[in-house]
Amino acid sequence: MDFLRRFAQDRVGLAFSFVLLALAVVALTAQWIAPYDPFAISLRQGMRPPSWTNWLGTDQFGRDVFSRVLLATQVTSKIAISSILFAVLIGVPVGMFVGYRGGMAEAIVMRMTDVLLIFPIILLAIVIVVIAGPSERGVVIALGLSQMPQFIRITRGVTLSIKEELYVEAAIAAGASTPSILLRHIWPNISAPIVVQATLTLPVFVLNTAALSYLGLGVQPPNPEWGQMLNEAKEVLASAPYLIIGPSVALFLSVLAANLVGDALQETLNPKLKGRRLKRPPVFGPARLPGARETGN
């Protein structure tokens, strides 16, 4: 309750949490609330402008754009959440283990992590998706692997500080096993930064999912995805500019809402960051871009 009270004090984060919740509801119910079949082709109905019948018009195949945007919300959300789970379920245990045990395993893992962090996320994702194949599964593997080093590094860092606490030393003295210490004493105390990192990673996954689909390396037709729909809309932008509105607005709202909710969640869990939005560096001054990554340990 105290967490909810402090989170509610951030009015912007609270407002956009409802936007994020609405997108989640749409993603869960897209196939039932879509007014038309997103896959139904009717060439006679093609390229019709927005109307009371088709709120966002129809594409070149006569498919209802609004229905396809709704279903694309489901597809994008599934990929983004699956990618986060992939990165967390592998990166967090690895980070906890190497942070707790140290030694050669830690040195090898962290050097491999440094190598992966050198490459931009989208470039690494493109290489992986080319190997895994252009599909939803390929995008999940690509995005999960590209962000896994971040979770390994963060988990390892907080584990290094937590393992020095007295209750961990007491558990070791009592003869507790390594898995028991990691699950019962370390994980509950490092879960907050992991949750924050996962929330802040969500918009990165959404954008990169759209980028890969836009390049033809992600979700394949006829399944709709925002990036793929933008790629299709650009081909007829001069004659049907309305086709770009739906996927653009949906992508913008999802990324903006995830970023602002992530910021609010981070400030709630770490009160020292309160008010940092008012203390950001000048636009033209030296600043670390959002999403920029460090390469040191």
Protein backbone atom coordinates (compact mmCIF):
# COMPACT_ATOMS: atom_id res chain seq x y z
CA MET A 1 0.00 0.00 0.00
CA ASP A 2 2.86 2.37 0.75
CA PHE A 3 4.31 1.64 -2.69
CA LEU A 4 0.97 2.44 -4.37
CA ARG A 5 0.61 5.66 -2.37
CA ARG A 6 4.08 6.86 -3.39
CA PHE A 7 3.54 5.79 -6.99
CA ALA A 8 0.23 7.70 -7.13
CA GLN A 9 2.07 10.91 -6.21
CA ASP A 10 3.60 10.91 -9.69
CA ARG A 11 0.56 12.12 -11.63
CA VAL A 12 2.21 11.71 -15.04
CA GLY A 13 3.33 8.16 -14.33
CA LEU A 14 -0.08 7.30 -12.88
CA ALA A 15 -1.92 8.69 -15.92
CA PHE A 16 0.24 6.80 -18.39
CA SER A 17 -0.02 3.63 -16.33
CA PHE A 18 -3.70 3.64 -17.28
CA VAL A 19 -2.67 4.07 -20.92
CA LEU A 20 -0.35 1.08 -20.56
CA LEU A 21 -3.13 -0.87 -18.85
CA ALA A 22 -5.52 -0.02 -21.71
CA LEU A 23 -2.95 -1.28 -24.23
CA ALA A 24 -2.62 -4.48 -22.22
CA VAL A 25 -6.40 -4.96 -22.25
CA VAL A 26 -6.44 -4.41 -26.02
CA ALA A 27 -3.62 -6.91 -26.44
CA LEU A 28 -5.51 -9.55 -24.45
CA THR A 29 -8.85 -9.03 -26.19
CA ALA A 30 -7.83 -7.91 -29.70
CA GLN A 31 -9.40 -10.81 -31.58
CA TRP A 32 -12.75 -10.25 -29.84
CA ILE A 33 -13.00 -6.46 -29.94
CA ALA A 34 -11.80 -6.02 -33.54
CA PRO A 35 -14.83 -4.87 -35.58
CA TYR A 36 -13.72 -6.84 -38.66
CA ASP A 37 -11.58 -9.83 -39.51
CA PRO A 38 -8.02 -8.40 -39.73
CA PHE A 39 -7.14 -10.96 -42.41
CA ALA A 40 -10.28 -10.66 -44.59
CA ILE A 41 -9.35 -9.50 -48.12
CA SER A 42 -11.80 -7.55 -50.28
CA LEU A 43 -10.13 -5.85 -53.23
CA ARG A 44 -13.31 -3.90 -54.00
CA GLN A 45 -13.03 -2.26 -50.57
CA GLY A 46 -9.34 -1.38 -51.00
CA MET A 47 -7.82 2.03 -50.23
CA ARG A 48 -10.94 3.53 -48.70
CA PRO A 49 -10.37 6.61 -46.51
CA PRO A 50 -11.45 6.74 -42.85
CA SER A 51 -15.22 6.65 -42.33
CA TRP A 52 -17.78 5.64 -39.74
CA THR A 53 -17.57 2.12 -41.14
CA ASN A 54 -13.78 1.88 -41.21
CA TRP A 55 -12.37 4.29 -38.64
CA LEU A 56 -8.81 4.20 -40.01
CA GLY A 57 -9.70 3.28 -43.58
CA THR A 58 -8.72 0.15 -45.47
CA ASP A 59 -5.40 -0.91 -46.97
CA GLN A 60 -4.65 -1.94 -50.54
CA PHE A 61 -6.15 -5.38 -49.91
CA GLY A 62 -9.37 -4.01 -48.43
CA ARG A 63 -8.48 -5.06 -44.87
CA ASP A 64 -9.73 -2.86 -42.04
CA VAL A 65 -6.73 -0.92 -40.70
CA PHE A 66 -8.24 -0.34 -37.26
CA SER A 67 -8.76 -4.08 -36.75
CA ARG A 68 -5.20 -4.76 -37.87
CA VAL A 69 -3.81 -2.14 -35.48
CA LEU A 70 -5.66 -3.84 -32.62
CA LEU A 71 -4.30 -7.26 -33.53
CA ALA A 72 -0.81 -5.77 -34.03
CA THR A 73 -1.00 -4.56 -30.42
CA GLN A 74 -1.41 -8.17 -29.35
CA VAL A 75 1.44 -9.39 -31.58
CA THR A 76 3.86 -6.66 -30.44
CA SER A 77 2.98 -7.11 -26.76
CA LYS A 78 3.49 -10.87 -26.98
CA ILE A 79 6.90 -10.43 -28.59
CA ALA A 80 8.03 -7.72 -26.14
CA ILE A 81 6.93 -9.62 -23.02
CA SER A 82 8.36 -12.91 -24.29
CA SER A 83 11.67 -11.17 -25.02
CA ILE A 84 11.80 -9.68 -21.53
CA LEU A 85 11.07 -13.07 -19.94
CA PHE A 86 13.74 -14.67 -22.13
CA ALA A 87 16.36 -12.10 -21.05
CA VAL A 88 15.34 -12.15 -17.37
CA LEU A 89 15.00 -15.91 -16.92
CA ILE A 90 18.49 -16.48 -18.32
CA GLY A 91 20.32 -13.26 -17.48
CA VAL A 92 19.25 -12.93 -13.84
CA PRO A 93 20.25 -16.45 -12.66
CA VAL A 94 23.58 -16.14 -14.49
CA GLY A 95 24.22 -12.71 -12.96
CA MET A 96 23.32 -13.94 -9.47
CA PHE A 97 25.53 -17.00 -9.73
CA VAL A 98 28.65 -15.27 -11.06
CA GLY A 99 28.17 -12.35 -8.68
CA TYR A 100 27.91 -14.66 -5.69
CA ARG A 101 30.56 -17.22 -6.63
CA GLY A 102 33.09 -14.97 -8.40
CA GLY A 103 36.26 -16.54 -9.70
CA MET A 104 36.96 -17.66 -13.24
CA ALA A 105 33.28 -18.07 -14.14
CA GLU A 106 32.64 -14.42 -13.29
CA ALA A 107 35.64 -13.24 -15.33
CA ILE A 108 34.60 -15.23 -18.41
CA VAL A 109 30.94 -14.21 -18.27
CA MET A 110 31.70 -10.53 -17.72
CA ARG A 111 34.22 -10.43 -20.57
CA MET A 112 31.64 -12.01 -22.88
CA THR A 113 29.11 -9.46 -21.63
CA ASP A 114 31.52 -6.62 -22.41
CA VAL A 115 31.93 -7.90 -25.96
CA LEU A 116 28.17 -8.07 -26.53
CA LEU A 117 27.64 -4.59 -25.08
CA ILE A 118 29.98 -3.11 -27.69
CA PHE A 119 27.45 -3.70 -30.46
CA PRO A 120 24.29 -1.56 -30.83
CA ILE A 121 21.14 -3.43 -29.82
CA ILE A 122 19.49 -3.26 -33.23
CA LEU A 123 22.66 -4.41 -35.04
CA LEU A 124 23.06 -7.38 -32.71
CA ALA A 125 19.35 -8.18 -33.07
CA ILE A 126 19.58 -8.09 -36.88
CA VAL A 127 22.50 -10.53 -36.88
CA ILE A 128 20.71 -12.92 -34.53
CA VAL A 129 17.36 -12.76 -36.35
CA VAL A 130 19.09 -13.44 -39.68
CA ILE A 131 20.54 -16.61 -38.13
CA ALA A 132 17.34 -17.64 -36.29
CA GLY A 133 15.05 -16.71 -39.17
CA PRO A 134 12.53 -13.90 -39.74
CA SER A 135 9.62 -14.87 -37.51
CA GLU A 136 8.10 -14.05 -34.14
CA ARG A 137 10.30 -16.67 -32.50
CA GLY A 138 13.37 -15.27 -34.22
CA VAL A 139 12.57 -11.74 -32.99
CA VAL A 140 12.08 -12.99 -29.41
CA ILE A 141 15.43 -14.79 -29.44
CA ALA A 142 17.20 -11.82 -31.04
CA LEU A 143 15.83 -9.20 -28.64
CA GLY A 144 16.23 -11.44 -25.60
CA LEU A 145 19.86 -12.20 -26.35
CA SER A 146 20.62 -8.57 -27.21
CA GLN A 147 19.39 -7.35 -23.80
CA MET A 148 20.53 -10.31 -21.70
CA PRO A 149 23.97 -8.71 -21.00
CA GLN A 150 22.21 -5.75 -19.35
CA PHE A 151 20.39 -8.03 -16.90
CA ILE A 152 23.54 -10.06 -16.22
CA ARG A 153 25.50 -6.89 -15.43
CA ILE A 154 22.82 -5.31 -13.21
CA THR A 155 22.13 -8.55 -11.34
CA ARG A 156 25.80 -9.22 -10.80
CA GLY A 157 26.35 -5.68 -9.48
CA VAL A 158 23.58 -5.77 -6.87
CA THR A 159 24.48 -9.34 -5.90
CA LEU A 160 28.05 -8.23 -5.12
CA SER A 161 26.73 -5.73 -2.57
CA ILE A 162 24.02 -7.96 -1.09
CA LYS A 163 26.29 -10.96 -0.47
CA GLU A 164 28.32 -8.88 2.00
CA GLU A 165 25.30 -8.37 4.26
CA LEU A 166 25.29 -9.99 7.70
CA TYR A 167 22.20 -12.11 7.05
CA VAL A 168 23.92 -13.73 4.07
CA GLU A 169 27.02 -14.45 6.16
CA ALA A 170 24.74 -15.89 8.86
CA ALA A 171 23.08 -18.17 6.31
CA ILE A 172 26.50 -19.36 5.11
CA ALA A 173 27.58 -20.03 8.73
CA ALA A 174 24.36 -22.00 9.28
CA GLY A 175 25.30 -24.28 6.40
CA ALA A 176 22.76 -23.08 3.82
CA SER A 177 23.41 -24.25 0.26
CA THR A 178 24.20 -21.86 -2.58
CA PRO A 179 20.78 -22.26 -4.29
CA SER A 180 19.03 -21.64 -0.97
CA ILE A 181 21.04 -18.48 -0.32
CA LEU A 182 20.41 -17.17 -3.84
CA LEU A 183 16.66 -17.82 -3.72
CA ARG A 184 15.85 -16.99 -0.08
CA HIS A 185 18.29 -14.21 0.78
CA ILE A 186 19.67 -12.57 -2.37
CA TRP A 187 16.82 -12.66 -4.89
CA PRO A 188 14.21 -10.92 -2.64
CA ASN A 189 16.65 -8.06 -2.10
CA ILE A 190 17.64 -7.56 -5.73
CA SER A 191 14.21 -7.99 -7.33
CA ALA A 192 13.37 -4.25 -7.27
CA PRO A 193 16.14 -3.09 -9.67
CA ILE A 194 15.42 -6.08 -11.92
CA VAL A 195 11.74 -5.11 -12.16
CA VAL A 196 12.70 -1.50 -12.91
CA GLN A 197 15.16 -2.58 -15.61
CA ALA A 198 12.55 -4.85 -17.18
CA THR A 199 10.05 -1.97 -17.28
CA LEU A 200 12.60 0.40 -18.81
CA THR A 201 13.54 -2.27 -21.36
CA LEU A 202 9.94 -2.70 -22.55
CA PRO A 203 9.92 0.36 -24.87
CA VAL A 204 13.29 -0.74 -26.28
CA PHE A 205 11.80 -4.09 -27.21
CA VAL A 206 8.69 -2.48 -28.71
CA LEU A 207 10.76 -0.14 -30.88
CA ASN A 208 13.16 -2.85 -32.00
CA THR A 209 10.29 -5.22 -32.77
CA ALA A 210 8.79 -2.55 -35.02
CA ALA A 211 12.20 -1.82 -36.55
CA LEU A 212 12.88 -5.46 -37.41
CA SER A 213 9.39 -5.88 -38.89
CA TYR A 214 9.83 -2.66 -40.86
CA LEU A 215 13.03 -4.10 -42.36
CA GLY A 216 11.23 -7.35 -43.22
CA LEU A 217 13.15 -9.37 -40.60
CA GLY A 218 10.40 -9.62 -38.01
CA VAL A 219 6.75 -10.60 -38.13
CA GLN A 220 5.87 -11.82 -41.60
CA PRO A 221 2.65 -11.07 -43.55
CA PRO A 222 -0.24 -11.54 -43.29
CA ASN A 223 0.19 -11.22 -39.51
CA PRO A 224 0.02 -7.50 -38.64
CA GLU A 225 2.72 -5.64 -36.73
CA TRP A 226 3.15 -1.88 -36.34
CA GLY A 227 6.52 -1.72 -38.08
CA GLN A 228 5.34 -3.92 -40.91
CA MET A 229 2.20 -1.79 -41.32
CA LEU A 230 4.35 1.36 -41.49
CA ASN A 231 6.47 -0.26 -44.18
CA GLU A 232 3.36 -1.07 -46.19
CA ALA A 233 1.93 2.44 -45.66
CA LYS A 234 5.03 4.21 -46.95
CA GLU A 235 4.55 2.61 -50.36
CA VAL A 236 1.24 4.47 -50.81
CA LEU A 237 1.99 7.48 -48.60
CA ALA A 238 1.20 10.05 -51.31
CA SER A 239 -2.20 8.60 -52.21
CA ALA A 240 -3.28 7.21 -48.81
CA PRO A 241 -1.51 9.06 -45.96
CA TYR A 242 -4.18 7.93 -43.50
CA LEU A 243 -2.70 4.39 -43.47
CA ILE A 244 0.25 5.62 -41.41
CA ILE A 245 -1.83 7.17 -38.63
CA GLY A 246 -2.97 4.03 -36.79
CA PRO A 247 0.34 2.18 -36.36
CA SER A 248 2.23 5.45 -35.73
CA VAL A 249 -0.08 6.56 -32.91
CA ALA A 250 -0.13 3.07 -31.35
CA LEU A 251 3.68 2.82 -31.45
CA PHE A 252 4.12 6.34 -30.06
CA LEU A 253 1.67 5.81 -27.19
CA SER A 254 3.09 2.44 -26.18
CA VAL A 255 6.71 3.66 -26.11
CA LEU A 256 5.85 6.92 -24.35
CA ALA A 257 3.67 5.19 -21.74
CA ALA A 258 6.26 2.48 -21.03
CA ASN A 259 9.04 5.07 -20.65
CA LEU A 260 7.08 7.32 -18.29
CA VAL A 261 5.76 4.44 -16.21
CA GLY A 262 9.28 3.02 -15.99
CA ASP A 263 10.61 6.39 -14.81
CA ALA A 264 7.84 6.67 -12.21
CA LEU A 265 8.45 3.13 -11.00
CA GLN A 266 12.18 3.79 -10.70
CA GLU A 267 11.58 6.95 -8.68
CA THR A 268 9.10 5.15 -6.44
CA LEU A 269 11.47 2.29 -5.64
CA ASN A 270 14.44 4.65 -5.29
CA PRO A 271 13.32 7.91 -3.60
CA LYS A 272 16.82 9.40 -4.12
CA LEU A 273 15.89 9.86 -7.80
CA LYS A 274 12.82 11.94 -6.98
CA GLY A 275 12.71 15.11 -9.04
CA ARG A 276 15.44 14.06 -11.44
CA ARG A 277 13.24 15.08 -14.38
CA LEU A 278 13.69 18.68 -13.28
CA LYS A 279 17.48 18.31 -13.15
CA ARG A 280 18.22 16.85 -16.55
CA PRO A 281 21.23 18.29 -18.39
CA PRO A 282 20.73 20.88 -21.15
CA VAL A 283 19.78 19.61 -24.59
CA PHE A 284 22.99 20.75 -26.23
CA GLY A 285 25.28 19.92 -23.32
CA PRO A 286 27.15 16.66 -22.75
CA ALA A 287 24.57 14.12 -21.71
CA ARG A 288 24.19 10.38 -21.62
CA LEU A 289 21.45 9.40 -24.02
CA PRO A 290 18.56 7.30 -22.73
CA GLY A 291 19.36 3.65 -23.34
CA ALA A 292 23.12 4.31 -23.67
CA ARG A 293 25.16 1.55 -22.11
CA GLU A 294 28.38 1.48 -20.20
CA THR A 295 31.13 -0.96 -21.03
CA GLY A 296 32.95 -1.03 -17.72
CA ASN A 297 32.35 -3.58 -14.98
